[in-house]
PDB file of N, CA and C in Angstrom:
ATOM      1  N   MET A   1       4.006 105.143 198.915  1.00  0.00           N
ATOM      2  CA  MET A   1       3.462 103.729 198.875  1.00  0.00           C
ATOM      3  C   MET A   1       2.293 103.673 199.845  1.00  0.00           C
ATOM      4  N   LEU A   2       1.247 103.354 199.001  1.00  0.00           N
ATOM      5  CA  LEU A   2      -0.023 103.244 199.827  1.00  0.00           C
ATOM      6  C   LEU A   2      -0.035 101.818 200.479  1.00  0.00           C
ATOM      7  N   ILE A   3      -0.416 101.829 201.813  1.00  0.00           N
ATOM      8  CA  ILE A   3      -0.288 100.513 202.442  1.00  0.00           C
ATOM      9  C   ILE A   3      -1.546 100.058 203.099  1.00  0.00           C
ATOM     10  N   GLY A   4      -2.643 100.883 202.772  1.00  0.00           N
ATOM     11  CA  GLY A   4      -3.983 100.356 203.268  1.00  0.00           C
ATOM     12  C   GLY A   4      -4.357 101.142 204.545  1.00  0.00           C
ATOM     13  N   GLY A   5      -5.609 101.035 204.929  1.00  0.00           N
ATOM     14  CA  GLY A   5      -6.057 101.471 206.160  1.00  0.00           C
ATOM     15  C   GLY A   5      -7.046 102.609 205.860  1.00  0.00           C
ATOM     16  N   GLU A   6      -7.279 103.399 206.966  1.00  0.00           N
ATOM     17  CA  GLU A   6      -8.448 104.302 206.916  1.00  0.00           C
ATOM     18  C   GLU A   6      -7.769 105.748 206.642  1.00  0.00           C
ATOM     19  N   ARG A   7      -8.322 106.647 205.885  1.00  0.00           N
ATOM     20  CA  ARG A   7      -7.887 107.823 205.825  1.00  0.00           C
ATOM     21  C   ARG A   7      -8.206 108.879 207.035  1.00  0.00           C
ATOM     22  N   THR A   8      -7.279 109.647 207.554  1.00  0.00           N
ATOM     23  CA  THR A   8      -7.674 110.474 208.642  1.00  0.00           C
ATOM     24  C   THR A   8      -7.969 111.817 208.109  1.00  0.00           C
ATOM     25  N   PRO A   9      -8.311 112.877 208.900  1.00  0.00           N
ATOM     26  CA  PRO A   9      -8.601 114.255 208.527  1.00  0.00           C
ATOM     27  C   PRO A   9      -7.272 114.800 207.783  1.00  0.00           C
ATOM     28  N   SER A  10      -6.170 114.335 208.266  1.00  0.00           N
ATOM     29  CA  SER A  10      -4.951 115.006 207.574  1.00  0.00           C
ATOM     30  C   SER A  10      -4.527 114.010 206.429  1.00  0.00           C
ATOM     31  N   ASP A  11      -5.460 113.234 205.974  1.00  0.00           N
ATOM     32  CA  ASP A  11      -5.284 112.438 204.731  1.00  0.00           C
ATOM     33  C   ASP A  11      -4.154 111.426 204.994  1.00  0.00           C
ATOM     34  N   ALA A  12      -3.821 110.919 206.178  1.00  0.00           N
ATOM     35  CA  ALA A  12      -2.922 109.964 206.400  1.00  0.00           C
ATOM     36  C   ALA A  12      -3.673 108.651 206.270  1.00  0.00           C
ATOM     37  N   LEU A  13      -3.044 107.449 205.845  1.00  0.00           N
ATOM     38  CA  LEU A  13      -3.558 106.196 205.849  1.00  0.00           C
ATOM     39  C   LEU A  13      -3.179 105.488 207.039  1.00  0.00           C
ATOM     40  N   VAL A  14      -3.916 105.195 207.975  1.00  0.00           N
ATOM     41  CA  VAL A  14      -3.650 104.554 209.243  1.00  0.00           C
ATOM     42  C   VAL A  14      -4.549 103.373 209.542  1.00  0.00           C
ATOM     43  N   GLY A  15      -4.089 102.661 210.617  1.00  0.00           N
ATOM     44  CA  GLY A  15      -4.983 101.540 211.089  1.00  0.00           C
ATOM     45  C   GLY A  15      -4.216 100.340 211.128  1.00  0.00           C
ATOM     46  N   PRO A  16      -4.869  99.182 211.486  1.00  0.00           N
ATOM     47  CA  PRO A  16      -4.253  97.901 211.722  1.00  0.00           C
ATOM     48  C   PRO A  16      -3.473  97.255 210.350  1.00  0.00           C
ATOM     49  N   LEU A  17      -4.266  97.460 209.283  1.00  0.00           N
ATOM     50  CA  LEU A  17      -3.575  96.925 208.038  1.00  0.00           C
ATOM     51  C   LEU A  17      -2.335  97.733 207.806  1.00  0.00           C
ATOM     52  N   ALA A  18      -2.350  99.059 207.839  1.00  0.00           N
ATOM     53  CA  ALA A  18      -1.099  99.918 207.739  1.00  0.00           C
ATOM     54  C   ALA A  18       0.066  99.557 208.518  1.00  0.00           C
ATOM     55  N   GLU A  19      -0.350  99.258 209.845  1.00  0.00           N
ATOM     56  CA  GLU A  19       0.639  98.915 210.873  1.00  0.00           C
ATOM     57  C   GLU A  19       1.217  97.550 210.614  1.00  0.00           C
ATOM     58  N   ALA A  20       0.429  96.683 210.072  1.00  0.00           N
ATOM     59  CA  ALA A  20       0.790  95.290 209.733  1.00  0.00           C
ATOM     60  C   ALA A  20       1.719  95.224 208.536  1.00  0.00           C
ATOM     61  N   ALA A  21       1.367  96.151 207.552  1.00  0.00           N
ATOM     62  CA  ALA A  21       2.280  96.186 206.432  1.00  0.00           C
ATOM     63  C   ALA A  21       3.631  96.781 206.826  1.00  0.00           C
ATOM     64  N   LEU A  22       3.699  97.823 207.598  1.00  0.00           N
ATOM     65  CA  LEU A  22       4.834  98.536 207.990  1.00  0.00           C
ATOM     66  C   LEU A  22       5.743  97.558 208.856  1.00  0.00           C
ATOM     67  N   ALA A  23       5.180  96.802 209.656  1.00  0.00           N
ATOM     68  CA  ALA A  23       6.019  95.758 210.390  1.00  0.00           C
ATOM     69  C   ALA A  23       6.903  94.873 209.618  1.00  0.00           C
ATOM     70  N   THR A  24       6.424  94.663 208.304  1.00  0.00           N
ATOM     71  CA  THR A  24       7.182  93.777 207.433  1.00  0.00           C
ATOM     72  C   THR A  24       8.310  94.615 206.505  1.00  0.00           C
ATOM     73  N   LEU A  25       8.275  95.949 206.575  1.00  0.00           N
ATOM     74  CA  LEU A  25       9.049  96.652 205.727  1.00  0.00           C
ATOM     75  C   LEU A  25      10.310  97.249 206.499  1.00  0.00           C
ATOM     76  N   ARG A  26      11.314  97.612 205.795  1.00  0.00           N
ATOM     77  CA  ARG A  26      12.525  98.232 206.343  1.00  0.00           C
ATOM     78  C   ARG A  26      12.830  99.332 205.334  1.00  0.00           C
ATOM     79  N   VAL A  27      12.797 100.580 205.647  1.00  0.00           N
ATOM     80  CA  VAL A  27      13.006 101.731 204.858  1.00  0.00           C
ATOM     81  C   VAL A  27      14.222 102.521 205.218  1.00  0.00           C
ATOM     82  N   ASP A  28      15.013 103.076 204.339  1.00  0.00           N
ATOM     83  CA  ASP A  28      16.193 103.738 204.593  1.00  0.00           C
ATOM     84  C   ASP A  28      15.710 105.103 205.391  1.00  0.00           C
ATOM     85  N   VAL A  29      14.832 105.913 204.846  1.00  0.00           N
ATOM     86  CA  VAL A  29      14.373 107.166 205.412  1.00  0.00           C
ATOM     87  C   VAL A  29      13.004 107.367 205.453  1.00  0.00           C
ATOM     88  N   ALA A  30      12.461 107.754 206.669  1.00  0.00           N
ATOM     89  CA  ALA A  30      11.040 108.065 206.764  1.00  0.00           C
ATOM     90  C   ALA A  30      10.976 109.476 206.934  1.00  0.00           C
ATOM     91  N   PHE A  31      10.107 110.124 206.135  1.00  0.00           N
ATOM     92  CA  PHE A  31       9.948 111.594 206.256  1.00  0.00           C
ATOM     93  C   PHE A  31       8.482 111.657 206.946  1.00  0.00           C
ATOM     94  N   LEU A  32       8.387 112.432 207.988  1.00  0.00           N
ATOM     95  CA  LEU A  32       7.131 112.464 208.772  1.00  0.00           C
ATOM     96  C   LEU A  32       6.920 113.840 209.184  1.00  0.00           C
ATOM     97  N   GLY A  33       5.522 114.208 209.268  1.00  0.00           N
ATOM     98  CA  GLY A  33       5.265 115.438 209.895  1.00  0.00           C
ATOM     99  C   GLY A  33       4.663 115.319 211.343  1.00  0.00           C
ATOM    100  N   ALA A  34       4.462 116.226 211.943  1.00  0.00           N
ATOM    101  CA  ALA A  34       4.016 116.176 213.423  1.00  0.00           C
ATOM    102  C   ALA A  34       2.932 117.191 213.663  1.00  0.00           C
ATOM    103  N   HIS A  35       1.969 116.836 214.381  1.00  0.00           N
ATOM    104  CA  HIS A  35       1.055 117.805 214.955  1.00  0.00           C
ATOM    105  C   HIS A  35       1.734 118.724 215.982  1.00  0.00           C
ATOM    106  N   GLY A  36       2.436 118.212 216.822  1.00  0.00           N
ATOM    107  CA  GLY A  36       3.059 118.957 217.811  1.00  0.00           C
ATOM    108  C   GLY A  36       4.536 118.353 218.247  1.00  0.00           C
ATOM    109  N   ILE A  37       5.337 119.256 218.695  1.00  0.00           N
ATOM    110  CA  ILE A  37       6.835 118.910 219.055  1.00  0.00           C
ATOM    111  C   ILE A  37       7.066 119.510 220.248  1.00  0.00           C
ATOM    112  N   SER A  38       7.289 118.849 221.322  1.00  0.00           N
ATOM    113  CA  SER A  38       7.455 119.266 222.733  1.00  0.00           C
ATOM    114  C   SER A  38       8.782 118.684 223.233  1.00  0.00           C
ATOM    115  N   PRO A  39       9.526 119.486 224.013  1.00  0.00           N
ATOM    116  CA  PRO A  39      10.735 118.983 224.601  1.00  0.00           C
ATOM    117  C   PRO A  39      10.401 117.895 225.582  1.00  0.00           C
ATOM    118  N   ASN A  40       9.440 118.021 226.212  1.00  0.00           N
ATOM    119  CA  ASN A  40       8.939 116.987 227.276  1.00  0.00           C
ATOM    120  C   ASN A  40       8.163 115.915 226.707  1.00  0.00           C
ATOM    121  N   ALA A  41       7.099 116.222 225.796  1.00  0.00           N
ATOM    122  CA  ALA A  41       6.203 115.127 225.311  1.00  0.00           C
ATOM    123  C   ALA A  41       6.748 114.485 224.045  1.00  0.00           C
ATOM    124  N   GLY A  42       7.724 115.131 223.325  1.00  0.00           N
ATOM    125  CA  GLY A  42       8.222 114.510 222.255  1.00  0.00           C
ATOM    126  C   GLY A  42       7.299 114.878 220.938  1.00  0.00           C
ATOM    127  N   LEU A  43       7.109 113.910 219.983  1.00  0.00           N
ATOM    128  CA  LEU A  43       6.245 114.094 218.848  1.00  0.00           C
ATOM    129  C   LEU A  43       4.892 113.609 219.065  1.00  0.00           C
ATOM    130  N   THR A  44       3.852 114.395 218.873  1.00  0.00           N
ATOM    131  CA  THR A  44       2.581 114.029 219.312  1.00  0.00           C
ATOM    132  C   THR A  44       1.429 114.318 218.064  1.00  0.00           C
ATOM    133  N   THR A  45       0.299 113.762 218.240  1.00  0.00           N
ATOM    134  CA  THR A  45      -0.829 113.994 217.385  1.00  0.00           C
ATOM    135  C   THR A  45      -2.006 113.743 218.236  1.00  0.00           C
ATOM    136  N   PRO A  46      -3.098 114.458 217.775  1.00  0.00           N
ATOM    137  CA  PRO A  46      -4.552 114.213 218.405  1.00  0.00           C
ATOM    138  C   PRO A  46      -5.082 113.036 218.074  1.00  0.00           C
ATOM    139  N   ASN A  47      -4.645 112.319 216.979  1.00  0.00           N
ATOM    140  CA  ASN A  47      -5.264 111.131 216.435  1.00  0.00           C
ATOM    141  C   ASN A  47      -4.657 109.822 216.878  1.00  0.00           C
ATOM    142  N   LEU A  48      -5.269 109.022 217.642  1.00  0.00           N
ATOM    143  CA  LEU A  48      -4.775 107.738 218.250  1.00  0.00           C
ATOM    144  C   LEU A  48      -4.299 106.823 217.162  1.00  0.00           C
ATOM    145  N   ALA A  49      -5.095 106.679 216.117  1.00  0.00           N
ATOM    146  CA  ALA A  49      -4.846 105.625 214.951  1.00  0.00           C
ATOM    147  C   ALA A  49      -3.582 106.133 214.302  1.00  0.00           C
ATOM    148  N   GLU A  50      -3.462 107.461 214.045  1.00  0.00           N
ATOM    149  CA  GLU A  50      -2.385 108.056 213.235  1.00  0.00           C
ATOM    150  C   GLU A  50      -1.094 107.963 214.227  1.00  0.00           C
ATOM    151  N   SER A  51      -1.163 107.963 215.441  1.00  0.00           N
ATOM    152  CA  SER A  51       0.003 107.729 216.278  1.00  0.00           C
ATOM    153  C   SER A  51       0.566 106.330 216.278  1.00  0.00           C
ATOM    154  N   ALA A  52      -0.396 105.440 216.353  1.00  0.00           N
ATOM    155  CA  ALA A  52       0.177 104.073 216.176  1.00  0.00           C
ATOM    156  C   ALA A  52       0.803 103.809 214.921  1.00  0.00           C
ATOM    157  N   THR A  53       0.270 104.289 213.836  1.00  0.00           N
ATOM    158  CA  THR A  53       0.881 104.080 212.438  1.00  0.00           C
ATOM    159  C   THR A  53       2.333 104.833 212.324  1.00  0.00           C
ATOM    160  N   ASP A  54       2.393 106.006 212.981  1.00  0.00           N
ATOM    161  CA  ASP A  54       3.502 106.869 213.024  1.00  0.00           C
ATOM    162  C   ASP A  54       4.673 106.007 213.852  1.00  0.00           C
ATOM    163  N   ARG A  55       4.094 105.361 214.825  1.00  0.00           N
ATOM    164  CA  ARG A  55       5.205 104.568 215.685  1.00  0.00           C
ATOM    165  C   ARG A  55       5.672 103.385 214.865  1.00  0.00           C
ATOM    166  N   ALA A  56       4.932 102.864 214.106  1.00  0.00           N
ATOM    167  CA  ALA A  56       5.271 101.783 213.053  1.00  0.00           C
ATOM    168  C   ALA A  56       6.212 102.277 212.116  1.00  0.00           C
ATOM    169  N   LEU A  57       5.952 103.462 211.507  1.00  0.00           N
ATOM    170  CA  LEU A  57       6.826 104.037 210.515  1.00  0.00           C
ATOM    171  C   LEU A  57       8.277 104.177 211.250  1.00  0.00           C
ATOM    172  N   VAL A  58       8.313 104.810 212.344  1.00  0.00           N
ATOM    173  CA  VAL A  58       9.679 105.126 212.925  1.00  0.00           C
ATOM    174  C   VAL A  58      10.267 103.735 213.310  1.00  0.00           C
ATOM    175  N   ALA A  59       9.663 102.818 213.610  1.00  0.00           N
ATOM    176  CA  ALA A  59      10.198 101.496 213.997  1.00  0.00           C
ATOM    177  C   ALA A  59      10.804 100.746 212.573  1.00  0.00           C
ATOM    178  N   SER A  60      10.243 101.260 211.499  1.00  0.00           N
ATOM    179  CA  SER A  60      10.638 100.540 210.230  1.00  0.00           C
ATOM    180  C   SER A  60      11.874 101.369 209.559  1.00  0.00           C
ATOM    181  N   ALA A  61      12.146 102.505 210.021  1.00  0.00           N
ATOM    182  CA  ALA A  61      13.036 103.332 209.319  1.00  0.00           C
ATOM    183  C   ALA A  61      14.539 103.300 209.941  1.00  0.00           C
ATOM    184  N   ALA A  62      15.523 103.403 209.129  1.00  0.00           N
ATOM    185  CA  ALA A  62      16.854 103.340 209.510  1.00  0.00           C
ATOM    186  C   ALA A  62      17.120 104.909 209.889  1.00  0.00           C
ATOM    187  N   GLN A  63      16.368 105.827 209.278  1.00  0.00           N
ATOM    188  CA  GLN A  63      16.793 107.222 209.615  1.00  0.00           C
ATOM    189  C   GLN A  63      15.379 107.923 209.690  1.00  0.00           C
ATOM    190  N   VAL A  64      15.023 108.772 210.570  1.00  0.00           N
ATOM    191  CA  VAL A  64      13.725 109.445 210.865  1.00  0.00           C
ATOM    192  C   VAL A  64      14.021 110.938 210.597  1.00  0.00           C
ATOM    193  N   VAL A  65      13.252 111.567 209.603  1.00  0.00           N
ATOM    194  CA  VAL A  65      13.395 112.951 209.196  1.00  0.00           C
ATOM    195  C   VAL A  65      11.964 113.496 209.464  1.00  0.00           C
ATOM    196  N   VAL A  66      11.926 114.520 210.486  1.00  0.00           N
ATOM    197  CA  VAL A  66      10.607 115.194 210.727  1.00  0.00           C
ATOM    198  C   VAL A  66      10.724 116.622 210.056  1.00  0.00           C
ATOM    199  N   LEU A  67       9.609 116.766 209.475  1.00  0.00           N
ATOM    200  CA  LEU A  67       9.389 118.230 208.804  1.00  0.00           C
ATOM    201  C   LEU A  67       8.295 118.945 209.450  1.00  0.00           C
ATOM    202  N   ALA A  68       8.519 119.943 210.228  1.00  0.00           N
ATOM    203  CA  ALA A  68       7.453 120.744 210.890  1.00  0.00           C
ATOM    204  C   ALA A  68       7.988 122.251 211.101  1.00  0.00           C
ATOM    205  N   ASP A  69       6.977 123.133 210.632  1.00  0.00           N
ATOM    206  CA  ASP A  69       7.252 124.473 210.793  1.00  0.00           C
ATOM    207  C   ASP A  69       7.375 124.860 212.183  1.00  0.00           C
ATOM    208  N   HIS A  70       7.765 126.088 212.499  1.00  0.00           N
ATOM    209  CA  HIS A  70       7.972 126.601 213.919  1.00  0.00           C
ATOM    210  C   HIS A  70       6.651 126.565 214.616  1.00  0.00           C
ATOM    211  N   THR A  71       5.400 126.594 214.103  1.00  0.00           N
ATOM    212  CA  THR A  71       4.212 126.678 214.902  1.00  0.00           C
ATOM    213  C   THR A  71       4.036 125.382 215.611  1.00  0.00           C
ATOM    214  N   LYS A  72       4.688 124.387 215.196  1.00  0.00           N
ATOM    215  CA  LYS A  72       4.524 123.029 215.829  1.00  0.00           C
ATOM    216  C   LYS A  72       5.319 122.964 217.191  1.00  0.00           C
ATOM    217  N   TRP A  73       6.239 123.711 217.293  1.00  0.00           N
ATOM    218  CA  TRP A  73       7.226 123.737 218.408  1.00  0.00           C
ATOM    219  C   TRP A  73       6.407 124.047 219.688  1.00  0.00           C
ATOM    220  N   ARG A  74       6.475 123.205 220.767  1.00  0.00           N
ATOM    221  CA  ARG A  74       5.699 123.403 222.047  1.00  0.00           C
ATOM    222  C   ARG A  74       4.242 123.238 222.009  1.00  0.00           C
ATOM    223  N   ALA A  75       3.844 122.704 220.822  1.00  0.00           N
ATOM    224  CA  ALA A  75       2.451 122.152 220.703  1.00  0.00           C
ATOM    225  C   ALA A  75       2.337 120.771 221.050  1.00  0.00           C
ATOM    226  N   THR A  76       1.387 120.347 221.718  1.00  0.00           N
ATOM    227  CA  THR A  76       1.324 118.921 222.262  1.00  0.00           C
ATOM    228  C   THR A  76      -0.086 118.329 221.948  1.00  0.00           C
ATOM    229  N   GLY A  77      -0.133 117.220 221.219  1.00  0.00           N
ATOM    230  CA  GLY A  77      -1.300 116.557 221.018  1.00  0.00           C
ATOM    231  C   GLY A  77      -1.604 115.381 222.048  1.00  0.00           C
ATOM    232  N   LEU A  78      -2.568 114.634 221.891  1.00  0.00           N
ATOM    233  CA  LEU A  78      -3.010 113.670 222.849  1.00  0.00           C
ATOM    234  C   LEU A  78      -2.159 112.480 222.891  1.00  0.00           C
ATOM    235  N   SER A  79      -1.531 112.061 221.788  1.00  0.00           N
ATOM    236  CA  SER A  79      -0.765 110.843 221.868  1.00  0.00           C
ATOM    237  C   SER A  79       0.743 110.998 221.320  1.00  0.00           C
ATOM    238  N   ARG A  80       1.577 110.462 222.094  1.00  0.00           N
ATOM    239  CA  ARG A  80       3.027 110.656 221.855  1.00  0.00           C
ATOM    240  C   ARG A  80       3.275 109.412 220.893  1.00  0.00           C
ATOM    241  N   TRP A  81       4.028 109.692 219.741  1.00  0.00           N
ATOM    242  CA  TRP A  81       4.484 108.746 218.814  1.00  0.00           C
ATOM    243  C   TRP A  81       5.909 108.418 218.731  1.00  0.00           C
ATOM    244  N   ALA A  82       6.724 109.476 219.306  1.00  0.00           N
ATOM    245  CA  ALA A  82       8.051 109.280 219.184  1.00  0.00           C
ATOM    246  C   ALA A  82       8.652 110.234 220.153  1.00  0.00           C
ATOM    247  N   ALA A  83       9.960 109.920 220.714  1.00  0.00           N
ATOM    248  CA  ALA A  83      10.758 110.863 221.560  1.00  0.00           C
ATOM    249  C   ALA A  83      11.506 111.515 220.545  1.00  0.00           C
ATOM    250  N   LEU A  84      11.954 112.776 221.150  1.00  0.00           N
ATOM    251  CA  LEU A  84      12.837 113.675 220.166  1.00  0.00           C
ATOM    252  C   LEU A  84      14.181 113.050 219.871  1.00  0.00           C
ATOM    253  N   ASP A  85      14.667 112.166 220.786  1.00  0.00           N
ATOM    254  CA  ASP A  85      15.892 111.493 220.514  1.00  0.00           C
ATOM    255  C   ASP A  85      15.715 110.442 219.492  1.00  0.00           C
ATOM    256  N   ASP A  86      14.568 110.008 218.959  1.00  0.00           N
ATOM    257  CA  ASP A  86      14.290 109.231 217.853  1.00  0.00           C
ATOM    258  C   ASP A  86      14.440 109.866 216.541  1.00  0.00           C
ATOM    259  N   VAL A  87      14.485 111.115 216.553  1.00  0.00           N
ATOM    260  CA  VAL A  87      14.620 112.011 215.436  1.00  0.00           C
ATOM    261  C   VAL A  87      16.109 112.100 214.949  1.00  0.00           C
ATOM    262  N   ASP A  88      16.510 111.754 213.691  1.00  0.00           N
ATOM    263  CA  ASP A  88      17.719 111.962 213.279  1.00  0.00           C
ATOM    264  C   ASP A  88      17.926 113.300 212.757  1.00  0.00           C
ATOM    265  N   VAL A  89      16.712 113.865 211.981  1.00  0.00           N
ATOM    266  CA  VAL A  89      16.952 115.143 211.520  1.00  0.00           C
ATOM    267  C   VAL A  89      15.591 115.891 211.571  1.00  0.00           C
ATOM    268  N   LEU A  90      15.663 117.044 212.188  1.00  0.00           N
ATOM    269  CA  LEU A  90      14.379 117.888 212.235  1.00  0.00           C
ATOM    270  C   LEU A  90      14.591 119.014 211.336  1.00  0.00           C
ATOM    271  N   VAL A  91      13.647 119.190 210.406  1.00  0.00           N
ATOM    272  CA  VAL A  91      13.651 120.329 209.400  1.00  0.00           C
ATOM    273  C   VAL A  91      12.566 121.210 209.875  1.00  0.00           C
ATOM    274  N   THR A  92      12.925 122.523 210.143  1.00  0.00           N
ATOM    275  CA  THR A  92      11.929 123.441 210.451  1.00  0.00           C
ATOM    276  C   THR A  92      12.260 124.798 209.715  1.00  0.00           C
ATOM    277  N   ASP A  93      11.468 125.919 209.926  1.00  0.00           N
ATOM    278  CA  ASP A  93      11.722 127.157 209.323  1.00  0.00           C
ATOM    279  C   ASP A  93      12.251 128.240 210.303  1.00  0.00           C
ATOM    280  N   ASP A  94      12.818 129.389 209.756  1.00  0.00           N
ATOM    281  CA  ASP A  94      13.449 130.288 210.559  1.00  0.00           C
ATOM    282  C   ASP A  94      12.730 130.946 211.399  1.00  0.00           C
ATOM    283  N   GLY A  95      11.314 130.776 211.450  1.00  0.00           N
ATOM    284  CA  GLY A  95      10.369 131.329 212.547  1.00  0.00           C
ATOM    285  C   GLY A  95      10.708 130.844 213.943  1.00  0.00           C
ATOM    286  N   LEU A  96      11.379 129.667 214.037  1.00  0.00           N
ATOM    287  CA  LEU A  96      11.685 129.207 215.310  1.00  0.00           C
ATOM    288  C   LEU A  96      12.758 129.948 216.025  1.00  0.00           C
ATOM    289  N   SER A  97      12.421 130.534 217.217  1.00  0.00           N
ATOM    290  CA  SER A  97      13.419 131.436 217.880  1.00  0.00           C
ATOM    291  C   SER A  97      14.722 130.771 218.055  1.00  0.00           C
ATOM    292  N   GLU A  98      15.772 131.655 218.154  1.00  0.00           N
ATOM    293  CA  GLU A  98      17.053 131.272 218.411  1.00  0.00           C
ATOM    294  C   GLU A  98      17.228 130.241 219.663  1.00  0.00           C
ATOM    295  N   PRO A  99      16.535 130.757 220.903  1.00  0.00           N
ATOM    296  CA  PRO A  99      16.592 129.749 222.102  1.00  0.00           C
ATOM    297  C   PRO A  99      15.953 128.398 221.796  1.00  0.00           C
ATOM    298  N   ASP A 100      14.814 128.481 221.061  1.00  0.00           N
ATOM    299  CA  ASP A 100      14.205 127.163 220.770  1.00  0.00           C
ATOM    300  C   ASP A 100      15.037 126.348 219.775  1.00  0.00           C
ATOM    301  N   GLN A 101      15.683 127.004 218.848  1.00  0.00           N
ATOM    302  CA  GLN A 101      16.593 126.397 217.965  1.00  0.00           C
ATOM    303  C   GLN A 101      17.727 125.535 218.748  1.00  0.00           C
ATOM    304  N   ALA A 102      18.300 126.350 219.711  1.00  0.00           N
ATOM    305  CA  ALA A 102      19.335 125.830 220.617  1.00  0.00           C
ATOM    306  C   ALA A 102      18.834 124.572 221.387  1.00  0.00           C
ATOM    307  N   GLU A 103      17.632 124.742 221.813  1.00  0.00           N
ATOM    308  CA  GLU A 103      17.014 123.624 222.644  1.00  0.00           C
ATOM    309  C   GLU A 103      16.800 122.393 221.745  1.00  0.00           C
ATOM    310  N   ALA A 104      16.299 122.603 220.531  1.00  0.00           N
ATOM    311  CA  ALA A 104      16.021 121.665 219.525  1.00  0.00           C
ATOM    312  C   ALA A 104      17.305 120.732 219.107  1.00  0.00           C
ATOM    313  N   ARG A 105      18.433 121.653 218.947  1.00  0.00           N
ATOM    314  CA  ARG A 105      19.715 120.967 218.601  1.00  0.00           C
ATOM    315  C   ARG A 105      20.169 120.077 219.616  1.00  0.00           C
ATOM    316  N   GLU A 106      19.890 120.272 220.951  1.00  0.00           N
ATOM    317  CA  GLU A 106      20.287 119.461 222.120  1.00  0.00           C
ATOM    318  C   GLU A 106      19.582 118.216 222.075  1.00  0.00           C
ATOM    319  N   LEU A 107      18.268 118.168 221.398  1.00  0.00           N
ATOM    320  CA  LEU A 107      17.383 117.072 221.714  1.00  0.00           C
ATOM    321  C   LEU A 107      17.246 116.210 220.458  1.00  0.00           C
ATOM    322  N   VAL A 108      17.616 116.679 219.250  1.00  0.00           N
ATOM    323  CA  VAL A 108      17.439 115.865 218.136  1.00  0.00           C
ATOM    324  C   VAL A 108      18.833 115.542 217.491  1.00  0.00           C
ATOM    325  N   GLY A 109      18.948 114.662 216.528  1.00  0.00           N
ATOM    326  CA  GLY A 109      20.174 114.393 215.983  1.00  0.00           C
ATOM    327  C   GLY A 109      20.842 115.549 215.215  1.00  0.00           C
ATOM    328  N   ARG A 110      20.041 116.114 214.289  1.00  0.00           N
ATOM    329  CA  ARG A 110      20.537 117.454 213.614  1.00  0.00           C
ATOM    330  C   ARG A 110      19.242 118.311 213.237  1.00  0.00           C
ATOM    331  N   LEU A 111      19.576 119.538 213.356  1.00  0.00           N
ATOM    332  CA  LEU A 111      18.470 120.518 213.158  1.00  0.00           C
ATOM    333  C   LEU A 111      18.859 121.254 211.878  1.00  0.00           C
ATOM    334  N   VAL A 112      17.808 121.314 210.835  1.00  0.00           N
ATOM    335  CA  VAL A 112      18.055 122.079 209.694  1.00  0.00           C
ATOM    336  C   VAL A 112      16.937 123.159 209.770  1.00  0.00           C
ATOM    337  N   VAL A 113      17.381 124.422 209.655  1.00  0.00           N
ATOM    338  CA  VAL A 113      16.551 125.429 209.600  1.00  0.00           C
ATOM    339  C   VAL A 113      16.418 126.154 208.223  1.00  0.00           C
ATOM    340  N   ALA A 114      15.322 126.151 207.652  1.00  0.00           N
ATOM    341  CA  ALA A 114      15.175 126.620 206.187  1.00  0.00           C
ATOM    342  C   ALA A 114      14.683 128.006 206.382  1.00  0.00           C
ATOM    343  N   GLU A 115      15.464 128.903 205.520  1.00  0.00           N
ATOM    344  CA  GLU A 115      14.987 130.323 205.426  1.00  0.00           C
ATOM    345  C   GLU A 115      13.761 130.450 204.595  1.00  0.00           C
ATOM    346  N   VAL A 116      12.866 131.140 205.193  1.00  0.00           N
ATOM    347  CA  VAL A 116      11.669 131.490 204.448  1.00  0.00           C
ATOM    348  C   VAL A 116      11.611 132.877 203.744  1.00  0.00           C
ATOM    349  N   ALA A 117      11.366 133.013 202.618  1.00  0.00           N
ATOM    350  CA  ALA A 117      11.356 134.116 201.801  1.00  0.00           C
ATOM    351  C   ALA A 117      10.134 135.094 202.289  1.00  0.00           C
ATOM    352  N   ARG A 118      10.369 136.194 202.661  1.00  0.00           N
ATOM    353  CA  ARG A 118       9.366 137.034 203.112  1.00  0.00           C
ATOM    354  C   ARG A 118       9.083 138.154 202.157  1.00  0.00           C
TER     355      ARG A 118
END
């Protein structure tokens, strides 16, 4: 659903119009990506406008699903848009080490690890 706003380098539509539209919506499931996922910092992005819109998406969702490959784990961007306990499901790939998988399982609602064909 296009909600208005400005396009970021990652092609997200963000900004005050997008945030205002999201404040009036309630969605069953929000699927989001993240620039970085850190046990300490949570979900982050280097783009402040994108962070504000992501926070609005999380607030409008009954369930939050984050899709992020293993390279996002322990990466941290400038702005935090959600804590890990806000994540109902984290979907990542099997490149995430076993110790990191165990840590993620403790911090999010559910961890799904997708096997990558090599």
